[in-house]
Amino acid sequence: DGANLTNANLFMADLNGANLFMADLNGANLRESNLREANFEEANLRASNLDGADLRDANLRNANLEEASLYDAALYRVDLTGANLRAANLEEAKADEGTVWPEGFDPVAAGVIFG
């Protein structure tokens, strides 16, 4: 299926437009990476570090982000439909009205900043 990038160190990587459909990125370090327009549909990003990552226009439909850290990440126009955000850190993540959240998820309560 998808690529196995478990525990990969991708700090500041440029993965703009990458297709990581069903990839296993469990525990990966994607801090401050360029992930714009990347496809992470059904990817496993459990416990991954996405602090400061640029995820603008990315597809995270049905992705597993349980226990992932998205502190200060750019989530503008990101599709998180069906994503698992259980115990994810979204403090100071940036989003806009184009960001699609999982049903029943409260981004404001999770610390997301809109603007």
PDB file of N, CA and C in Angstrom:
ATOM      1  N   ASP A   1       0.847  -1.188   0.000  1.00  0.00           N
ATOM      2  CA  ASP A   1       0.000   0.000   0.000  1.00  0.00           C
ATOM      3  C   ASP A   1       0.885   1.241   0.000  1.00  0.00           C
ATOM      4  N   GLY A   2       0.811   2.049   1.088  1.00  0.00           N
ATOM      5  CA  GLY A   2       1.567   3.290   1.142  1.00  0.00           C
ATOM      6  C   GLY A   2       3.003   3.077   1.587  1.00  0.00           C
ATOM      7  N   ALA A   3       3.805   4.124   1.466  1.00  0.00           N
ATOM      8  CA  ALA A   3       5.216   4.079   1.860  1.00  0.00           C
ATOM      9  C   ALA A   3       5.348   3.904   3.366  1.00  0.00           C
ATOM     10  N   ASN A   4       6.402   3.201   3.797  1.00  0.00           N
ATOM     11  CA  ASN A   4       6.678   3.037   5.223  1.00  0.00           C
ATOM     12  C   ASN A   4       7.747   4.045   5.622  1.00  0.00           C
ATOM     13  N   LEU A   5       7.304   5.101   6.309  1.00  0.00           N
ATOM     14  CA  LEU A   5       8.207   6.146   6.783  1.00  0.00           C
ATOM     15  C   LEU A   5       8.126   6.252   8.303  1.00  0.00           C
ATOM     16  N   THR A   6       7.915   5.118   8.970  1.00  0.00           N
ATOM     17  CA  THR A   6       7.823   5.075  10.423  1.00  0.00           C
ATOM     18  C   THR A   6       9.085   5.670  11.036  1.00  0.00           C
ATOM     19  N   ASN A   7       8.886   6.609  11.964  1.00  0.00           N
ATOM     20  CA  ASN A   7       9.976   7.266  12.695  1.00  0.00           C
ATOM     21  C   ASN A   7      10.982   7.994  11.801  1.00  0.00           C
ATOM     22  N   ALA A   8      10.611   8.295  10.557  1.00  0.00           N
ATOM     23  CA  ALA A   8      11.519   9.003   9.636  1.00  0.00           C
ATOM     24  C   ALA A   8      11.771  10.426  10.130  1.00  0.00           C
ATOM     25  N   ASN A   9      12.993  10.908   9.946  1.00  0.00           N
ATOM     26  CA  ASN A   9      13.318  12.289  10.283  1.00  0.00           C
ATOM     27  C   ASN A   9      13.224  13.114   8.999  1.00  0.00           C
ATOM     28  N   LEU A  10      12.108  13.822   8.858  1.00  0.00           N
ATOM     29  CA  LEU A  10      11.853  14.644   7.678  1.00  0.00           C
ATOM     30  C   LEU A  10      11.788  16.120   8.075  1.00  0.00           C
ATOM     31  N   PHE A  11      12.567  16.502   9.075  1.00  0.00           N
ATOM     32  CA  PHE A  11      12.624  17.879   9.569  1.00  0.00           C
ATOM     33  C   PHE A  11      12.927  18.825   8.409  1.00  0.00           C
ATOM     34  N   MET A  12      12.069  19.824   8.228  1.00  0.00           N
ATOM     35  CA  MET A  12      12.189  20.851   7.198  1.00  0.00           C
ATOM     36  C   MET A  12      12.191  20.286   5.775  1.00  0.00           C
ATOM     37  N   ALA A  13      11.615  19.116   5.575  1.00  0.00           N
ATOM     38  CA  ALA A  13      11.555  18.511   4.238  1.00  0.00           C
ATOM     39  C   ALA A  13      10.608  19.288   3.339  1.00  0.00           C
ATOM     40  N   ASP A  14      10.870  19.260   2.047  1.00  0.00           N
ATOM     41  CA  ASP A  14       9.979  19.873   1.064  1.00  0.00           C
ATOM     42  C   ASP A  14       9.212  18.743   0.379  1.00  0.00           C
ATOM     43  N   LEU A  15       7.985  18.520   0.860  1.00  0.00           N
ATOM     44  CA  LEU A  15       7.131  17.480   0.299  1.00  0.00           C
ATOM     45  C   LEU A  15       5.896  18.106  -0.353  1.00  0.00           C
ATOM     46  N   ASN A  16       6.088  19.294  -0.902  1.00  0.00           N
ATOM     47  CA  ASN A  16       5.015  20.028  -1.563  1.00  0.00           C
ATOM     48  C   ASN A  16       4.394  19.150  -2.650  1.00  0.00           C
ATOM     49  N   GLY A  17       3.102  18.866  -2.515  1.00  0.00           N
ATOM     50  CA  GLY A  17       2.372  18.098  -3.518  1.00  0.00           C
ATOM     51  C   GLY A  17       2.637  16.602  -3.497  1.00  0.00           C
ATOM     52  N   ALA A  18       3.335  16.112  -2.484  1.00  0.00           N
ATOM     53  CA  ALA A  18       3.665  14.679  -2.421  1.00  0.00           C
ATOM     54  C   ALA A  18       2.409  13.830  -2.256  1.00  0.00           C
ATOM     55  N   ASN A  19       2.422  12.640  -2.847  1.00  0.00           N
ATOM     56  CA  ASN A  19       1.314  11.703  -2.678  1.00  0.00           C
ATOM     57  C   ASN A  19       1.725  10.651  -1.653  1.00  0.00           C
ATOM     58  N   LEU A  20       1.206  10.807  -0.420  1.00  0.00           N
ATOM     59  CA  LEU A  20       1.515   9.888   0.671  1.00  0.00           C
ATOM     60  C   LEU A  20       0.247   9.150   1.093  1.00  0.00           C
ATOM     61  N   PHE A  21      -0.581   8.810   0.111  1.00  0.00           N
ATOM     62  CA  PHE A  21      -1.813   8.070   0.352  1.00  0.00           C
ATOM     63  C   PHE A  21      -1.479   6.779   1.087  1.00  0.00           C
ATOM     64  N   MET A  22      -2.135   6.569   2.220  1.00  0.00           N
ATOM     65  CA  MET A  22      -1.979   5.365   3.049  1.00  0.00           C
ATOM     66  C   MET A  22      -0.554   5.146   3.555  1.00  0.00           C
ATOM     67  N   ALA A  23       0.291   6.181   3.558  1.00  0.00           N
ATOM     68  CA  ALA A  23       1.671   6.042   4.042  1.00  0.00           C
ATOM     69  C   ALA A  23       1.681   5.854   5.560  1.00  0.00           C
ATOM     70  N   ASP A  24       2.662   5.135   6.055  1.00  0.00           N
ATOM     71  CA  ASP A  24       2.841   4.955   7.498  1.00  0.00           C
ATOM     72  C   ASP A  24       3.935   5.900   7.967  1.00  0.00           C
ATOM     73  N   LEU A  25       3.503   6.989   8.628  1.00  0.00           N
ATOM     74  CA  LEU A  25       4.415   7.998   9.152  1.00  0.00           C
ATOM     75  C   LEU A  25       4.348   8.027  10.672  1.00  0.00           C
ATOM     76  N   ASN A  26       4.054   6.886  11.275  1.00  0.00           N
ATOM     77  CA  ASN A  26       3.946   6.783  12.724  1.00  0.00           C
ATOM     78  C   ASN A  26       5.237   7.270  13.375  1.00  0.00           C
ATOM     79  N   GLY A  27       5.123   8.295  14.236  1.00  0.00           N
ATOM     80  CA  GLY A  27       6.278   8.811  14.960  1.00  0.00           C
ATOM     81  C   GLY A  27       7.250   9.613  14.114  1.00  0.00           C
ATOM     82  N   ALA A  28       6.889   9.969  12.895  1.00  0.00           N
ATOM     83  CA  ALA A  28       7.801  10.711  12.008  1.00  0.00           C
ATOM     84  C   ALA A  28       7.971  12.156  12.477  1.00  0.00           C
ATOM     85  N   ASN A  29       9.149  12.714  12.199  1.00  0.00           N
ATOM     86  CA  ASN A  29       9.425  14.115  12.493  1.00  0.00           C
ATOM     87  C   ASN A  29       9.264  14.911  11.205  1.00  0.00           C
ATOM     88  N   LEU A  30       8.146  15.646  11.120  1.00  0.00           N
ATOM     89  CA  LEU A  30       7.858  16.498   9.962  1.00  0.00           C
ATOM     90  C   LEU A  30       7.844  17.966  10.374  1.00  0.00           C
ATOM     91  N   ARG A  31       8.530  18.266  11.467  1.00  0.00           N
ATOM     92  CA  ARG A  31       8.540  19.623  12.010  1.00  0.00           C
ATOM     93  C   ARG A  31       9.054  20.616  10.968  1.00  0.00           C
ATOM     94  N   GLU A  32       8.304  21.713  10.814  1.00  0.00           N
ATOM     95  CA  GLU A  32       8.643  22.822   9.922  1.00  0.00           C
ATOM     96  C   GLU A  32       8.773  22.404   8.451  1.00  0.00           C
ATOM     97  N   SER A  33       8.132  21.299   8.074  1.00  0.00           N
ATOM     98  CA  SER A  33       8.186  20.829   6.689  1.00  0.00           C
ATOM     99  C   SER A  33       7.170  21.547   5.809  1.00  0.00           C
ATOM    100  N   ASN A  34       7.467  21.600   4.500  1.00  0.00           N
ATOM    101  CA  ASN A  34       6.543  22.136   3.513  1.00  0.00           C
ATOM    102  C   ASN A  34       5.708  20.964   3.002  1.00  0.00           C
ATOM    103  N   LEU A  35       4.467  20.897   3.466  1.00  0.00           N
ATOM    104  CA  LEU A  35       3.564  19.809   3.095  1.00  0.00           C
ATOM    105  C   LEU A  35       2.359  20.341   2.322  1.00  0.00           C
ATOM    106  N   ARG A  36       2.532  21.491   1.695  1.00  0.00           N
ATOM    107  CA  ARG A  36       1.437  22.117   0.951  1.00  0.00           C
ATOM    108  C   ARG A  36       0.951  21.199  -0.158  1.00  0.00           C
ATOM    109  N   GLU A  37      -0.376  21.099  -0.238  1.00  0.00           N
ATOM    110  CA  GLU A  37      -1.051  20.320  -1.285  1.00  0.00           C
ATOM    111  C   GLU A  37      -0.677  18.832  -1.268  1.00  0.00           C
ATOM    112  N   ALA A  38      -0.095  18.348  -0.175  1.00  0.00           N
ATOM    113  CA  ALA A  38       0.264  16.926  -0.086  1.00  0.00           C
ATOM    114  C   ALA A  38      -0.980  16.089   0.185  1.00  0.00           C
ATOM    115  N   ASN A  39      -0.957  14.852  -0.286  1.00  0.00           N
ATOM    116  CA  ASN A  39      -2.068  13.928  -0.071  1.00  0.00           C
ATOM    117  C   ASN A  39      -1.690  12.929   1.018  1.00  0.00           C
ATOM    118  N   PHE A  40      -2.314  13.092   2.198  1.00  0.00           N
ATOM    119  CA  PHE A  40      -2.107  12.192   3.327  1.00  0.00           C
ATOM    120  C   PHE A  40      -3.380  11.386   3.599  1.00  0.00           C
ATOM    121  N   GLU A  41      -4.232  11.222   2.580  1.00  0.00           N
ATOM    122  CA  GLU A  41      -5.492  10.506   2.787  1.00  0.00           C
ATOM    123  C   GLU A  41      -5.205   9.096   3.312  1.00  0.00           C
ATOM    124  N   GLU A  42      -5.878   8.753   4.411  1.00  0.00           N
ATOM    125  CA  GLU A  42      -5.764   7.449   5.073  1.00  0.00           C
ATOM    126  C   GLU A  42      -4.351   7.147   5.564  1.00  0.00           C
ATOM    127  N   ALA A  43      -3.503   8.174   5.694  1.00  0.00           N
ATOM    128  CA  ALA A  43      -2.138   7.972   6.193  1.00  0.00           C
ATOM    129  C   ALA A  43      -2.135   7.821   7.709  1.00  0.00           C
ATOM    130  N   ASN A  44      -1.150   7.102   8.214  1.00  0.00           N
ATOM    131  CA  ASN A  44      -0.961   6.954   9.655  1.00  0.00           C
ATOM    132  C   ASN A  44       0.101   7.948  10.105  1.00  0.00           C
ATOM    133  N   LEU A  45      -0.352   9.019  10.765  1.00  0.00           N
ATOM    134  CA  LEU A  45       0.546  10.046  11.296  1.00  0.00           C
ATOM    135  C   LEU A  45       0.510  10.032  12.824  1.00  0.00           C
ATOM    136  N   ARG A  46       0.204   8.875  13.391  1.00  0.00           N
ATOM    137  CA  ARG A  46       0.081   8.753  14.844  1.00  0.00           C
ATOM    138  C   ARG A  46       1.392   9.159  15.517  1.00  0.00           C
ATOM    139  N   ALA A  47       1.270  10.016  16.533  1.00  0.00           N
ATOM    140  CA  ALA A  47       2.402  10.468  17.345  1.00  0.00           C
ATOM    141  C   ALA A  47       3.492  11.149  16.517  1.00  0.00           C
ATOM    142  N   SER A  48       3.137  11.667  15.346  1.00  0.00           N
ATOM    143  CA  SER A  48       4.127  12.363  14.520  1.00  0.00           C
ATOM    144  C   SER A  48       4.242  13.822  14.975  1.00  0.00           C
ATOM    145  N   ASN A  49       5.370  14.442  14.646  1.00  0.00           N
ATOM    146  CA  ASN A  49       5.629  15.834  14.994  1.00  0.00           C
ATOM    147  C   ASN A  49       5.462  16.683  13.743  1.00  0.00           C
ATOM    148  N   LEU A  50       4.370  17.466  13.732  1.00  0.00           N
ATOM    149  CA  LEU A  50       4.071  18.365  12.617  1.00  0.00           C
ATOM    150  C   LEU A  50       4.125  19.825  13.080  1.00  0.00           C
ATOM    151  N   ASP A  51       4.865  20.081  14.163  1.00  0.00           N
ATOM    152  CA  ASP A  51       4.957  21.437  14.699  1.00  0.00           C
ATOM    153  C   ASP A  51       5.504  22.393  13.640  1.00  0.00           C
ATOM    154  N   GLY A  52       4.777  23.483  13.411  1.00  0.00           N
ATOM    155  CA  GLY A  52       5.221  24.508  12.471  1.00  0.00           C
ATOM    156  C   GLY A  52       5.168  24.094  11.013  1.00  0.00           C
ATOM    157  N   ALA A  53       4.586  22.942  10.706  1.00  0.00           N
ATOM    158  CA  ALA A  53       4.514  22.475   9.316  1.00  0.00           C
ATOM    159  C   ALA A  53       3.501  23.300   8.519  1.00  0.00           C
ATOM    160  N   ASP A  54       3.773  23.462   7.236  1.00  0.00           N
ATOM    161  CA  ASP A  54       2.868  24.166   6.337  1.00  0.00           C
ATOM    162  C   ASP A  54       2.045  23.117   5.592  1.00  0.00           C
ATOM    163  N   LEU A  55       0.794  22.951   6.034  1.00  0.00           N
ATOM    164  CA  LEU A  55      -0.104  21.948   5.456  1.00  0.00           C
ATOM    165  C   LEU A  55      -1.195  22.584   4.599  1.00  0.00           C
ATOM    166  N   ARG A  56      -0.994  23.811   4.162  1.00  0.00           N
ATOM    167  CA  ARG A  56      -2.024  24.493   3.379  1.00  0.00           C
ATOM    168  C   ARG A  56      -2.466  23.651   2.193  1.00  0.00           C
ATOM    169  N   ASP A  57      -3.792  23.527   2.042  1.00  0.00           N
ATOM    170  CA  ASP A  57      -4.424  22.812   0.932  1.00  0.00           C
ATOM    171  C   ASP A  57      -4.116  21.311   0.912  1.00  0.00           C
ATOM    172  N   ALA A  58      -3.668  20.756   2.039  1.00  0.00           N
ATOM    173  CA  ALA A  58      -3.363  19.318   2.101  1.00  0.00           C
ATOM    174  C   ALA A  58      -4.635  18.497   2.298  1.00  0.00           C
ATOM    175  N   ASN A  59      -4.568  17.242   1.884  1.00  0.00           N
ATOM    176  CA  ASN A  59      -5.670  16.299   2.065  1.00  0.00           C
ATOM    177  C   ASN A  59      -5.307  15.345   3.193  1.00  0.00           C
ATOM    178  N   LEU A  60      -6.035  15.457   4.315  1.00  0.00           N
ATOM    179  CA  LEU A  60      -5.825  14.579   5.468  1.00  0.00           C
ATOM    180  C   LEU A  60      -7.098  13.790   5.771  1.00  0.00           C
ATOM    181  N   ARG A  61      -7.889  13.520   4.734  1.00  0.00           N
ATOM    182  CA  ARG A  61      -9.129  12.759   4.918  1.00  0.00           C
ATOM    183  C   ARG A  61      -8.818  11.388   5.495  1.00  0.00           C
ATOM    184  N   ASN A  62      -9.531  11.054   6.575  1.00  0.00           N
ATOM    185  CA  ASN A  62      -9.409   9.747   7.224  1.00  0.00           C
ATOM    186  C   ASN A  62      -7.990   9.422   7.686  1.00  0.00           C
ATOM    187  N   ALA A  63      -7.165  10.438   7.888  1.00  0.00           N
ATOM    188  CA  ALA A  63      -5.806  10.222   8.402  1.00  0.00           C
ATOM    189  C   ALA A  63      -5.851   9.988   9.912  1.00  0.00           C
ATOM    190  N   ASN A  64      -4.905   9.199  10.410  1.00  0.00           N
ATOM    191  CA  ASN A  64      -4.781   8.975  11.846  1.00  0.00           C
ATOM    192  C   ASN A  64      -3.758   9.954  12.403  1.00  0.00           C
ATOM    193  N   LEU A  65      -4.253  10.964  13.134  1.00  0.00           N
ATOM    194  CA  LEU A  65      -3.395  11.969  13.763  1.00  0.00           C
ATOM    195  C   LEU A  65      -3.451  11.854  15.288  1.00  0.00           C
ATOM    196  N   GLU A  66      -3.817  10.680  15.776  1.00  0.00           N
ATOM    197  CA  GLU A  66      -3.904  10.476  17.220  1.00  0.00           C
ATOM    198  C   GLU A  66      -2.540  10.740  17.861  1.00  0.00           C
ATOM    199  N   GLU A  67      -2.547  11.579  18.899  1.00  0.00           N
ATOM    200  CA  GLU A  67      -1.352  11.948  19.662  1.00  0.00           C
ATOM    201  C   GLU A  67      -0.310  12.703  18.838  1.00  0.00           C
ATOM    202  N   ALA A  68      -0.678  13.154  17.627  1.00  0.00           N
ATOM    203  CA  ALA A  68       0.248  13.947  16.811  1.00  0.00           C
ATOM    204  C   ALA A  68       0.325  15.368  17.355  1.00  0.00           C
ATOM    205  N   SER A  69       1.439  16.038  17.111  1.00  0.00           N
ATOM    206  CA  SER A  69       1.586  17.432  17.513  1.00  0.00           C
ATOM    207  C   SER A  69       1.572  18.317  16.277  1.00  0.00           C
ATOM    208  N   LEU A  70       0.584  19.221  16.247  1.00  0.00           N
ATOM    209  CA  LEU A  70       0.445  20.173  15.141  1.00  0.00           C
ATOM    210  C   LEU A  70       0.558  21.598  15.678  1.00  0.00           C
ATOM    211  N   TYR A  71       1.362  21.773  16.728  1.00  0.00           N
ATOM    212  CA  TYR A  71       1.548  23.086  17.330  1.00  0.00           C
ATOM    213  C   TYR A  71       2.027  24.080  16.267  1.00  0.00           C
ATOM    214  N   ASP A  72       1.323  25.199  16.131  1.00  0.00           N
ATOM    215  CA  ASP A  72       1.695  26.280  15.220  1.00  0.00           C
ATOM    216  C   ASP A  72       1.723  25.852  13.745  1.00  0.00           C
ATOM    217  N   ALA A  73       1.035  24.762  13.398  1.00  0.00           N
ATOM    218  CA  ALA A  73       0.978  24.319  12.000  1.00  0.00           C
ATOM    219  C   ALA A  73      -0.013  25.173  11.216  1.00  0.00           C
ATOM    220  N   ALA A  74       0.231  25.347   9.923  1.00  0.00           N
ATOM    221  CA  ALA A  74      -0.678  26.076   9.038  1.00  0.00           C
ATOM    222  C   ALA A  74      -1.662  25.075   8.431  1.00  0.00           C
ATOM    223  N   LEU A  75      -2.943  25.206   8.819  1.00  0.00           N
ATOM    224  CA  LEU A  75      -3.977  24.273   8.386  1.00  0.00           C
ATOM    225  C   LEU A  75      -5.025  24.943   7.497  1.00  0.00           C
ATOM    226  N   TYR A  76      -4.614  25.954   6.762  1.00  0.00           N
ATOM    227  CA  TYR A  76      -5.541  26.676   5.897  1.00  0.00           C
ATOM    228  C   TYR A  76      -6.030  25.775   4.768  1.00  0.00           C
ATOM    229  N   ARG A  77      -7.366  25.694   4.616  1.00  0.00           N
ATOM    230  CA  ARG A  77      -8.018  24.923   3.555  1.00  0.00           C
ATOM    231  C   ARG A  77      -7.641  23.435   3.574  1.00  0.00           C
ATOM    232  N   VAL A  78      -7.330  22.904   4.748  1.00  0.00           N
ATOM    233  CA  VAL A  78      -7.001  21.480   4.887  1.00  0.00           C
ATOM    234  C   VAL A  78      -8.292  20.679   5.065  1.00  0.00           C
ATOM    235  N   ASP A  79      -8.366  19.525   4.420  1.00  0.00           N
ATOM    236  CA  ASP A  79      -9.518  18.634   4.555  1.00  0.00           C
ATOM    237  C   ASP A  79      -9.186  17.553   5.574  1.00  0.00           C
ATOM    238  N   LEU A  80      -9.819  17.658   6.758  1.00  0.00           N
ATOM    239  CA  LEU A  80      -9.617  16.700   7.845  1.00  0.00           C
ATOM    240  C   LEU A  80     -10.858  15.832   8.049  1.00  0.00           C
ATOM    241  N   THR A  81     -11.697  15.711   7.022  1.00  0.00           N
ATOM    242  CA  THR A  81     -12.906  14.893   7.116  1.00  0.00           C
ATOM    243  C   THR A  81     -12.549  13.483   7.562  1.00  0.00           C
ATOM    244  N   GLY A  82     -13.165  13.024   8.645  1.00  0.00           N
ATOM    245  CA  GLY A  82     -12.957  11.662   9.123  1.00  0.00           C
ATOM    246  C   GLY A  82     -11.625  11.404   9.796  1.00  0.00           C
ATOM    247  N   ALA A  83     -10.797  12.445   9.966  1.00  0.00           N
ATOM    248  CA  ALA A  83      -9.485  12.263  10.595  1.00  0.00           C
ATOM    249  C   ALA A  83      -9.628  11.969  12.086  1.00  0.00           C
ATOM    250  N   ASN A  84      -8.711  11.184  12.628  1.00  0.00           N
ATOM    251  CA  ASN A  84      -8.668  10.897  14.057  1.00  0.00           C
ATOM    252  C   ASN A  84      -7.730  11.911  14.706  1.00  0.00           C
ATOM    253  N   LEU A  85      -8.309  12.842  15.471  1.00  0.00           N
ATOM    254  CA  LEU A  85      -7.532  13.880  16.149  1.00  0.00           C
ATOM    255  C   LEU A  85      -7.484  13.649  17.660  1.00  0.00           C
ATOM    256  N   ARG A  86      -7.749  12.418  18.104  1.00  0.00           N
ATOM    257  CA  ARG A  86      -7.770  12.116  19.529  1.00  0.00           C
ATOM    258  C   ARG A  86      -6.396  12.387  20.143  1.00  0.00           C
ATOM    259  N   ALA A  87      -6.383  13.202  21.193  1.00  0.00           N
ATOM    260  CA  ALA A  87      -5.173  13.556  21.949  1.00  0.00           C
ATOM    261  C   ALA A  87      -4.125  14.282  21.093  1.00  0.00           C
ATOM    262  N   ALA A  88      -4.543  14.844  19.950  1.00  0.00           N
ATOM    263  CA  ALA A  88      -3.615  15.618  19.109  1.00  0.00           C
ATOM    264  C   ALA A  88      -3.434  17.009  19.708  1.00  0.00           C
ATOM    265  N   ASN A  89      -2.233  17.564  19.580  1.00  0.00           N
ATOM    266  CA  ASN A  89      -1.936  18.917  20.058  1.00  0.00           C
ATOM    267  C   ASN A  89      -2.132  19.887  18.901  1.00  0.00           C
ATOM    268  N   LEU A  90      -3.180  20.718  18.998  1.00  0.00           N
ATOM    269  CA  LEU A  90      -3.466  21.712  17.960  1.00  0.00           C
ATOM    270  C   LEU A  90      -3.306  23.136  18.485  1.00  0.00           C
ATOM    271  N   GLU A  91      -2.607  23.287  19.620  1.00  0.00           N
ATOM    272  CA  GLU A  91      -2.396  24.617  20.198  1.00  0.00           C
ATOM    273  C   GLU A  91      -1.715  25.529  19.183  1.00  0.00           C
ATOM    274  N   GLU A  92      -2.299  26.703  18.995  1.00  0.00           N
ATOM    275  CA  GLU A  92      -1.772  27.753  18.121  1.00  0.00           C
ATOM    276  C   GLU A  92      -1.675  27.358  16.650  1.00  0.00           C
ATOM    277  N   ALA A  93      -2.304  26.235  16.263  1.00  0.00           N
ATOM    278  CA  ALA A  93      -2.393  25.905  14.836  1.00  0.00           C
ATOM    279  C   ALA A  93      -3.265  26.965  14.173  1.00  0.00           C
ATOM    280  N   LYS A  94      -2.961  27.304  12.929  1.00  0.00           N
ATOM    281  CA  LYS A  94      -3.692  28.349  12.205  1.00  0.00           C
ATOM    282  C   LYS A  94      -4.620  27.710  11.177  1.00  0.00           C
ATOM    283  N   ALA A  95      -5.864  28.200  11.153  1.00  0.00           N
ATOM    284  CA  ALA A  95      -6.852  27.671  10.210  1.00  0.00           C
ATOM    285  C   ALA A  95      -7.740  28.801   9.716  1.00  0.00           C
ATOM    286  N   ASP A  96      -8.578  28.494   8.723  1.00  0.00           N
ATOM    287  CA  ASP A  96      -9.538  29.467   8.206  1.00  0.00           C
ATOM    288  C   ASP A  96     -10.858  28.768   7.932  1.00  0.00           C
ATOM    289  N   GLU A  97     -11.801  29.514   7.366  1.00  0.00           N
ATOM    290  CA  GLU A  97     -13.132  28.961   7.109  1.00  0.00           C
ATOM    291  C   GLU A  97     -13.090  27.854   6.065  1.00  0.00           C
ATOM    292  N   GLY A  98     -12.003  27.735   5.314  1.00  0.00           N
ATOM    293  CA  GLY A  98     -11.868  26.682   4.318  1.00  0.00           C
ATOM    294  C   GLY A  98     -11.375  25.357   4.886  1.00  0.00           C
ATOM    295  N   THR A  99     -10.989  25.354   6.173  1.00  0.00           N
ATOM    296  CA  THR A  99     -10.530  24.123   6.814  1.00  0.00           C
ATOM    297  C   THR A  99     -11.749  23.272   7.161  1.00  0.00           C
ATOM    298  N   VAL A 100     -11.725  21.991   6.784  1.00  0.00           N
ATOM    299  CA  VAL A 100     -12.834  21.079   7.048  1.00  0.00           C
ATOM    300  C   VAL A 100     -12.421  20.151   8.181  1.00  0.00           C
ATOM    301  N   TRP A 101     -13.191  20.191   9.290  1.00  0.00           N
ATOM    302  CA  TRP A 101     -12.880  19.419  10.492  1.00  0.00           C
ATOM    303  C   TRP A 101     -13.704  18.143  10.562  1.00  0.00           C
ATOM    304  N   PRO A 102     -13.234  17.140  11.312  1.00  0.00           N
ATOM    305  CA  PRO A 102     -14.049  15.935  11.506  1.00  0.00           C
ATOM    306  C   PRO A 102     -15.364  16.294  12.197  1.00  0.00           C
ATOM    307  N   GLU A 103     -16.400  15.567  11.892  1.00  0.00           N
ATOM    308  CA  GLU A 103     -17.712  15.811  12.485  1.00  0.00           C
ATOM    309  C   GLU A 103     -17.615  15.783  14.009  1.00  0.00           C
ATOM    310  N   GLY A 104     -18.163  16.826  14.656  1.00  0.00           N
ATOM    311  CA  GLY A 104     -18.194  16.904  16.113  1.00  0.00           C
ATOM    312  C   GLY A 104     -16.931  17.451  16.751  1.00  0.00           C
ATOM    313  N   PHE A 105     -15.896  17.762  15.956  1.00  0.00           N
ATOM    314  CA  PHE A 105     -14.639  18.281  16.504  1.00  0.00           C
ATOM    315  C   PHE A 105     -14.741  19.786  16.711  1.00  0.00           C
ATOM    316  N   ASP A 106     -14.273  20.275  17.864  1.00  0.00           N
ATOM    317  CA  ASP A 106     -14.311  21.701  18.179  1.00  0.00           C
ATOM    318  C   ASP A 106     -12.896  22.275  18.112  1.00  0.00           C
ATOM    319  N   PRO A 107     -12.511  22.884  16.975  1.00  0.00           N
ATOM    320  CA  PRO A 107     -11.155  23.397  16.834  1.00  0.00           C
ATOM    321  C   PRO A 107     -10.812  24.518  17.814  1.00  0.00           C
ATOM    322  N   VAL A 108     -11.785  25.346  18.146  1.00  0.00           N
ATOM    323  CA  VAL A 108     -11.522  26.452  19.079  1.00  0.00           C
ATOM    324  C   VAL A 108     -11.162  25.908  20.457  1.00  0.00           C
ATOM    325  N   ALA A 109     -11.907  24.909  20.918  1.00  0.00           N
ATOM    326  CA  ALA A 109     -11.611  24.281  22.211  1.00  0.00           C
ATOM    327  C   ALA A 109     -10.231  23.618  22.198  1.00  0.00           C
ATOM    328  N   ALA A 110      -9.775  23.198  21.006  1.00  0.00           N
ATOM    329  CA  ALA A 110      -8.479  22.524  20.876  1.00  0.00           C
ATOM    330  C   ALA A 110      -7.324  23.522  20.782  1.00  0.00           C
ATOM    331  N   GLY A 111      -7.644  24.830  20.735  1.00  0.00           N
ATOM    332  CA  GLY A 111      -6.599  25.855  20.717  1.00  0.00           C
ATOM    333  C   GLY A 111      -6.225  26.383  19.351  1.00  0.00           C
ATOM    334  N   VAL A 112      -7.035  26.052  18.322  1.00  0.00           N
ATOM    335  CA  VAL A 112      -6.771  26.520  16.961  1.00  0.00           C
ATOM    336  C   VAL A 112      -7.085  28.009  16.864  1.00  0.00           C
ATOM    337  N   ILE A 113      -6.251  28.737  16.136  1.00  0.00           N
ATOM    338  CA  ILE A 113      -6.429  30.171  15.917  1.00  0.00           C
ATOM    339  C   ILE A 113      -6.952  30.385  14.503  1.00  0.00           C
ATOM    340  N   PHE A 114      -8.056  31.122  14.382  1.00  0.00           N
ATOM    341  CA  PHE A 114      -8.647  31.410  13.067  1.00  0.00           C
ATOM    342  C   PHE A 114      -8.279  32.813  12.630  1.00  0.00           C
ATOM    343  N   GLY A 115      -7.949  32.951  11.347  1.00  0.00           N
ATOM    344  CA  GLY A 115      -7.642  34.281  10.827  1.00  0.00           C
ATOM    345  C   GLY A 115      -6.729  34.238   9.651  1.00  0.00           C
TER     346      GLY A 115
END
